[in-house]
Amino acid sequence: MQTTERPPAGPTRGSSPMRGVVLVAVAVVLGFFVLRAIEDTGGGPTPEEIEAANDTTASSEDAAASTDTTEAPAARPPGEVVVLVANASGVQGAAAAQADAIASGGYQVLPAANAPAEVEATQVLATAGYEADAAALAAAIGAPPESVAAMPEPPPLDPTGAHVVVMLGPDLAG
């Protein structure tokens, strides 16, 4: 009598678990080298530049306050200031890059947004009571002092709990 059963076959060539492990390891190594090769061209200030500007701004404000008879409120530590960066430059990814640079300076940063309209130059808009913080942030990112203004009514976009809104223009978009 003849049986129709086939003898059990060993593992096929392409189904070895070791092959899967090797493929994953190769992908991880390649990914590591690719990420190291990517050059960050965000165009924003370095964390050191932001920290230096914060230190410079604080010392110049202290000097100005000692000569004035009315003291302006001092800027808060960066960790106490919530910032929203809105891309008003038309340069793709500029707001995210600037937001990362600002966050590396110790500021609390909300997710980057797109502005409803483009601006000619960067604007740093302060909510009430955060004018000194907006000026310190403007100095940290390289915006001129005249870029700092009070938040208009109505605001150009929903500030979503931010104390300072940076309307990123083409001058700082990189």
C-alpha atoms as a PDB file:
ATOM      1  CA  MET A   1       0.000   0.000   0.000  1.00  0.00           C
ATOM      2  CA  GLN A   2       1.175   3.450  -0.775  1.00  0.00           C
ATOM      3  CA  THR A   3       1.042   6.350   1.747  1.00  0.00           C
ATOM      4  CA  THR A   4       0.315   9.884   0.687  1.00  0.00           C
ATOM      5  CA  GLU A   5       2.062  11.560   3.565  1.00  0.00           C
ATOM      6  CA  ARG A   6       5.207  13.438   2.852  1.00  0.00           C
ATOM      7  CA  PRO A   7       8.101  13.369   5.240  1.00  0.00           C
ATOM      8  CA  PRO A   8       8.524  16.597   7.317  1.00  0.00           C
ATOM      9  CA  ALA A   9      10.684  19.125   5.524  1.00  0.00           C
ATOM     10  CA  GLY A  10      13.379  21.151   7.271  1.00  0.00           C
ATOM     11  CA  PRO A  11      13.304  24.927   7.427  1.00  0.00           C
ATOM     12  CA  THR A  12      13.119  26.559   4.051  1.00  0.00           C
ATOM     13  CA  ARG A  13      15.891  28.776   2.937  1.00  0.00           C
ATOM     14  CA  GLY A  14      14.062  32.158   3.386  1.00  0.00           C
ATOM     15  CA  SER A  15      12.294  31.534   6.692  1.00  0.00           C
ATOM     16  CA  SER A  16      15.195  31.353   9.110  1.00  0.00           C
ATOM     17  CA  PRO A  17      14.695  33.545  12.207  1.00  0.00           C
ATOM     18  CA  MET A  18      18.390  34.380  12.135  1.00  0.00           C
ATOM     19  CA  ARG A  19      17.988  35.973   8.724  1.00  0.00           C
ATOM     20  CA  GLY A  20      15.351  38.350  10.143  1.00  0.00           C
ATOM     21  CA  VAL A  21      17.624  39.330  13.021  1.00  0.00           C
ATOM     22  CA  VAL A  22      20.498  40.059  10.636  1.00  0.00           C
ATOM     23  CA  LEU A  23      18.253  42.195   8.413  1.00  0.00           C
ATOM     24  CA  VAL A  24      17.039  44.257  11.380  1.00  0.00           C
ATOM     25  CA  ALA A  25      20.616  44.759  12.615  1.00  0.00           C
ATOM     26  CA  VAL A  26      21.762  45.915   9.171  1.00  0.00           C
ATOM     27  CA  ALA A  27      18.813  48.346   8.939  1.00  0.00           C
ATOM     28  CA  VAL A  28      19.628  49.835  12.354  1.00  0.00           C
ATOM     29  CA  VAL A  29      23.296  50.325  11.471  1.00  0.00           C
ATOM     30  CA  LEU A  30      22.437  51.911   8.123  1.00  0.00           C
ATOM     31  CA  GLY A  31      19.859  54.188   9.780  1.00  0.00           C
ATOM     32  CA  PHE A  32      22.432  55.311  12.310  1.00  0.00           C
ATOM     33  CA  PHE A  33      24.918  56.310   9.604  1.00  0.00           C
ATOM     34  CA  VAL A  34      22.261  58.058   7.527  1.00  0.00           C
ATOM     35  CA  LEU A  35      21.088  60.130  10.493  1.00  0.00           C
ATOM     36  CA  ARG A  36      24.668  61.087  11.367  1.00  0.00           C
ATOM     37  CA  ALA A  37      25.259  62.194   7.788  1.00  0.00           C
ATOM     38  CA  ILE A  38      22.280  64.543   7.698  1.00  0.00           C
ATOM     39  CA  GLU A  39      23.461  68.114   8.163  1.00  0.00           C
ATOM     40  CA  ASP A  40      21.245  70.365  10.298  1.00  0.00           C
ATOM     41  CA  THR A  41      20.691  73.520   8.288  1.00  0.00           C
ATOM     42  CA  GLY A  42      17.793  74.862  10.369  1.00  0.00           C
ATOM     43  CA  GLY A  43      19.146  78.413  10.161  1.00  0.00           C
ATOM     44  CA  GLY A  44      18.240  79.146  13.776  1.00  0.00           C
ATOM     45  CA  PRO A  45      20.623  80.252  16.488  1.00  0.00           C
ATOM     46  CA  THR A  46      22.665  77.679  18.363  1.00  0.00           C
ATOM     47  CA  PRO A  47      21.812  76.928  22.004  1.00  0.00           C
ATOM     48  CA  GLU A  48      24.987  78.770  23.014  1.00  0.00           C
ATOM     49  CA  GLU A  49      23.887  81.904  21.127  1.00  0.00           C
ATOM     50  CA  ILE A  50      20.485  81.840  22.836  1.00  0.00           C
ATOM     51  CA  GLU A  51      22.056  81.379  26.273  1.00  0.00           C
ATOM     52  CA  ALA A  52      24.582  84.176  25.633  1.00  0.00           C
ATOM     53  CA  ALA A  53      21.835  86.522  24.479  1.00  0.00           C
ATOM     54  CA  ASN A  54      19.778  85.749  27.588  1.00  0.00           C
ATOM     55  CA  ASP A  55      22.778  86.526  29.804  1.00  0.00           C
ATOM     56  CA  THR A  56      23.596  89.726  27.862  1.00  0.00           C
ATOM     57  CA  THR A  57      19.993  90.910  27.892  1.00  0.00           C
ATOM     58  CA  ALA A  58      19.670  90.352  31.632  1.00  0.00           C
ATOM     59  CA  SER A  59      22.863  92.267  32.441  1.00  0.00           C
ATOM     60  CA  SER A  60      21.993  95.193  30.140  1.00  0.00           C
ATOM     61  CA  GLU A  61      18.500  95.369  31.643  1.00  0.00           C
ATOM     62  CA  ASP A  62      20.017  95.421  35.135  1.00  0.00           C
ATOM     63  CA  ALA A  63      22.293  98.306  34.122  1.00  0.00           C
ATOM     64  CA  ALA A  64      19.388 100.215  32.573  1.00  0.00           C
ATOM     65  CA  ALA A  65      17.222  99.613  35.628  1.00  0.00           C
ATOM     66  CA  SER A  66      19.881 100.987  37.981  1.00  0.00           C
ATOM     67  CA  THR A  67      20.037 104.295  36.088  1.00  0.00           C
ATOM     68  CA  ASP A  68      16.266 104.677  35.619  1.00  0.00           C
ATOM     69  CA  THR A  69      14.002 105.932  38.380  1.00  0.00           C
ATOM     70  CA  THR A  70      11.194 103.633  37.189  1.00  0.00           C
ATOM     71  CA  GLU A  71      12.100  99.996  36.948  1.00  0.00           C
ATOM     72  CA  ALA A  72      10.845  97.929  34.063  1.00  0.00           C
ATOM     73  CA  PRO A  73       9.864  94.391  34.946  1.00  0.00           C
ATOM     74  CA  ALA A  74      12.765  92.005  34.575  1.00  0.00           C
ATOM     75  CA  ALA A  75      12.582  89.116  32.151  1.00  0.00           C
ATOM     76  CA  ARG A  76      11.583  85.804  33.663  1.00  0.00           C
ATOM     77  CA  PRO A  77      13.826  82.740  33.391  1.00  0.00           C
ATOM     78  CA  PRO A  78      13.312  81.101  29.962  1.00  0.00           C
ATOM     79  CA  GLY A  79      11.715  78.025  31.551  1.00  0.00           C
ATOM     80  CA  GLU A  80       8.803  80.168  32.742  1.00  0.00           C
ATOM     81  CA  VAL A  81       7.991  81.584  29.293  1.00  0.00           C
ATOM     82  CA  VAL A  82       5.774  79.728  26.807  1.00  0.00           C
ATOM     83  CA  VAL A  83       6.583  80.513  23.158  1.00  0.00           C
ATOM     84  CA  LEU A  84       4.678  79.804  19.945  1.00  0.00           C
ATOM     85  CA  VAL A  85       6.622  80.053  16.677  1.00  0.00           C
ATOM     86  CA  ALA A  86       4.473  80.620  13.587  1.00  0.00           C
ATOM     87  CA  ASN A  87       5.924  80.348  10.100  1.00  0.00           C
ATOM     88  CA  ALA A  88       5.120  83.613   8.321  1.00  0.00           C
ATOM     89  CA  SER A  89       8.066  83.332   5.940  1.00  0.00           C
ATOM     90  CA  GLY A  90       6.913  80.844   3.352  1.00  0.00           C
ATOM     91  CA  VAL A  91      10.066  78.776   3.966  1.00  0.00           C
ATOM     92  CA  GLN A  92       9.016  75.193   4.650  1.00  0.00           C
ATOM     93  CA  GLY A  93      10.164  73.858   8.034  1.00  0.00           C
ATOM     94  CA  ALA A  94      11.564  77.195   9.218  1.00  0.00           C
ATOM     95  CA  ALA A  95       9.234  77.503  12.217  1.00  0.00           C
ATOM     96  CA  ALA A  96      10.018  73.991  13.441  1.00  0.00           C
ATOM     97  CA  ALA A  97      13.751  74.646  13.186  1.00  0.00           C
ATOM     98  CA  GLN A  98      13.446  77.956  15.033  1.00  0.00           C
ATOM     99  CA  ALA A  99      11.180  76.367  17.672  1.00  0.00           C
ATOM    100  CA  ASP A 100      13.808  73.667  18.291  1.00  0.00           C
ATOM    101  CA  ALA A 101      16.526  76.296  18.676  1.00  0.00           C
ATOM    102  CA  ILE A 102      14.387  78.310  21.099  1.00  0.00           C
ATOM    103  CA  ALA A 103      13.534  75.179  23.105  1.00  0.00           C
ATOM    104  CA  SER A 104      17.236  74.370  23.386  1.00  0.00           C
ATOM    105  CA  GLY A 105      17.626  77.779  25.047  1.00  0.00           C
ATOM    106  CA  GLY A 106      15.360  76.622  27.877  1.00  0.00           C
ATOM    107  CA  TYR A 107      12.051  78.123  26.747  1.00  0.00           C
ATOM    108  CA  GLN A 108       8.805  76.161  26.822  1.00  0.00           C
ATOM    109  CA  VAL A 109       7.814  75.889  23.169  1.00  0.00           C
ATOM    110  CA  LEU A 110       4.437  74.918  21.762  1.00  0.00           C
ATOM    111  CA  PRO A 111       4.309  72.954  18.492  1.00  0.00           C
ATOM    112  CA  ALA A 112       5.205  75.177  15.538  1.00  0.00           C
ATOM    113  CA  ALA A 113       2.320  76.578  13.496  1.00  0.00           C
ATOM    114  CA  ASN A 114       1.728  78.266  10.172  1.00  0.00           C
ATOM    115  CA  ALA A 115       0.750  81.934  10.207  1.00  0.00           C
ATOM    116  CA  PRO A 116      -2.336  82.920   8.237  1.00  0.00           C
ATOM    117  CA  ALA A 117      -0.296  85.445   6.224  1.00  0.00           C
ATOM    118  CA  GLU A 118       3.356  86.117   5.477  1.00  0.00           C
ATOM    119  CA  VAL A 119       5.230  89.036   7.047  1.00  0.00           C
ATOM    120  CA  GLU A 120       8.144  91.054   5.659  1.00  0.00           C
ATOM    121  CA  ALA A 121      10.230  90.731   8.827  1.00  0.00           C
ATOM    122  CA  THR A 122      10.062  88.682  12.015  1.00  0.00           C
ATOM    123  CA  GLN A 123       7.711  89.978  14.697  1.00  0.00           C
ATOM    124  CA  VAL A 124       7.963  89.025  18.382  1.00  0.00           C
ATOM    125  CA  LEU A 125       4.554  89.626  19.951  1.00  0.00           C
ATOM    126  CA  ALA A 126       4.138  89.759  23.719  1.00  0.00           C
ATOM    127  CA  THR A 127       1.008  89.181  25.753  1.00  0.00           C
ATOM    128  CA  ALA A 128       0.393  91.610  28.616  1.00  0.00           C
ATOM    129  CA  GLY A 129       3.149  91.426  31.234  1.00  0.00           C
ATOM    130  CA  TYR A 130       5.595  89.546  29.008  1.00  0.00           C
ATOM    131  CA  GLU A 131       7.143  92.501  27.167  1.00  0.00           C
ATOM    132  CA  ALA A 132      10.569  92.079  28.808  1.00  0.00           C
ATOM    133  CA  ASP A 133      10.493  88.353  28.010  1.00  0.00           C
ATOM    134  CA  ALA A 134       9.666  89.078  24.368  1.00  0.00           C
ATOM    135  CA  ALA A 135      12.599  91.508  24.185  1.00  0.00           C
ATOM    136  CA  ALA A 136      14.954  88.910  25.699  1.00  0.00           C
ATOM    137  CA  LEU A 137      13.732  86.271  23.257  1.00  0.00           C
ATOM    138  CA  ALA A 138      14.094  88.659  20.301  1.00  0.00           C
ATOM    139  CA  ALA A 139      17.703  89.321  21.303  1.00  0.00           C
ATOM    140  CA  ALA A 140      18.295  85.582  21.707  1.00  0.00           C
ATOM    141  CA  ILE A 141      17.083  84.717  18.204  1.00  0.00           C
ATOM    142  CA  GLY A 142      18.767  87.689  16.541  1.00  0.00           C
ATOM    143  CA  ALA A 143      15.644  89.767  15.879  1.00  0.00           C
ATOM    144  CA  PRO A 144      16.067  93.553  16.102  1.00  0.00           C
ATOM    145  CA  PRO A 145      14.549  95.354  19.115  1.00  0.00           C
ATOM    146  CA  GLU A 146      11.966  97.054  16.880  1.00  0.00           C
ATOM    147  CA  SER A 147      10.523  93.609  16.064  1.00  0.00           C
ATOM    148  CA  VAL A 148       9.075  93.399  19.590  1.00  0.00           C
ATOM    149  CA  ALA A 149       5.481  94.599  19.958  1.00  0.00           C
ATOM    150  CA  ALA A 150       2.422  94.029  22.090  1.00  0.00           C
ATOM    151  CA  MET A 151       0.027  91.348  20.908  1.00  0.00           C
ATOM    152  CA  PRO A 152      -2.518  93.077  18.656  1.00  0.00           C
ATOM    153  CA  GLU A 153      -6.228  92.701  19.197  1.00  0.00           C
ATOM    154  CA  PRO A 154      -7.333  90.455  17.585  1.00  0.00           C
ATOM    155  CA  PRO A 155      -4.128  88.386  17.508  1.00  0.00           C
ATOM    156  CA  PRO A 156      -2.824  87.270  14.097  1.00  0.00           C
ATOM    157  CA  LEU A 157      -3.425  83.661  15.165  1.00  0.00           C
ATOM    158  CA  ASP A 158      -4.684  81.854  18.256  1.00  0.00           C
ATOM    159  CA  PRO A 159      -1.825  82.126  20.776  1.00  0.00           C
ATOM    160  CA  THR A 160      -2.985  78.862  22.417  1.00  0.00           C
ATOM    161  CA  GLY A 161      -1.644  79.747  25.865  1.00  0.00           C
ATOM    162  CA  ALA A 162       1.647  81.224  24.658  1.00  0.00           C
ATOM    163  CA  HIS A 163       3.127  84.232  26.437  1.00  0.00           C
ATOM    164  CA  VAL A 164       5.193  85.226  23.392  1.00  0.00           C
ATOM    165  CA  VAL A 165       4.398  84.577  19.720  1.00  0.00           C
ATOM    166  CA  VAL A 166       7.196  84.698  17.135  1.00  0.00           C
ATOM    167  CA  MET A 167       5.845  85.455  13.662  1.00  0.00           C
ATOM    168  CA  LEU A 168       8.902  84.109  11.823  1.00  0.00           C
ATOM    169  CA  GLY A 169       9.688  86.203   8.774  1.00  0.00           C
ATOM    170  CA  PRO A 170      12.095  85.560   5.901  1.00  0.00           C
ATOM    171  CA  ASP A 171      14.853  87.535   7.670  1.00  0.00           C
ATOM    172  CA  LEU A 172      15.328  84.755  10.275  1.00  0.00           C
ATOM    173  CA  ALA A 173      13.939  81.799   8.359  1.00  0.00           C
ATOM    174  CA  GLY A 174      17.367  80.910   7.042  1.00  0.00           C
END
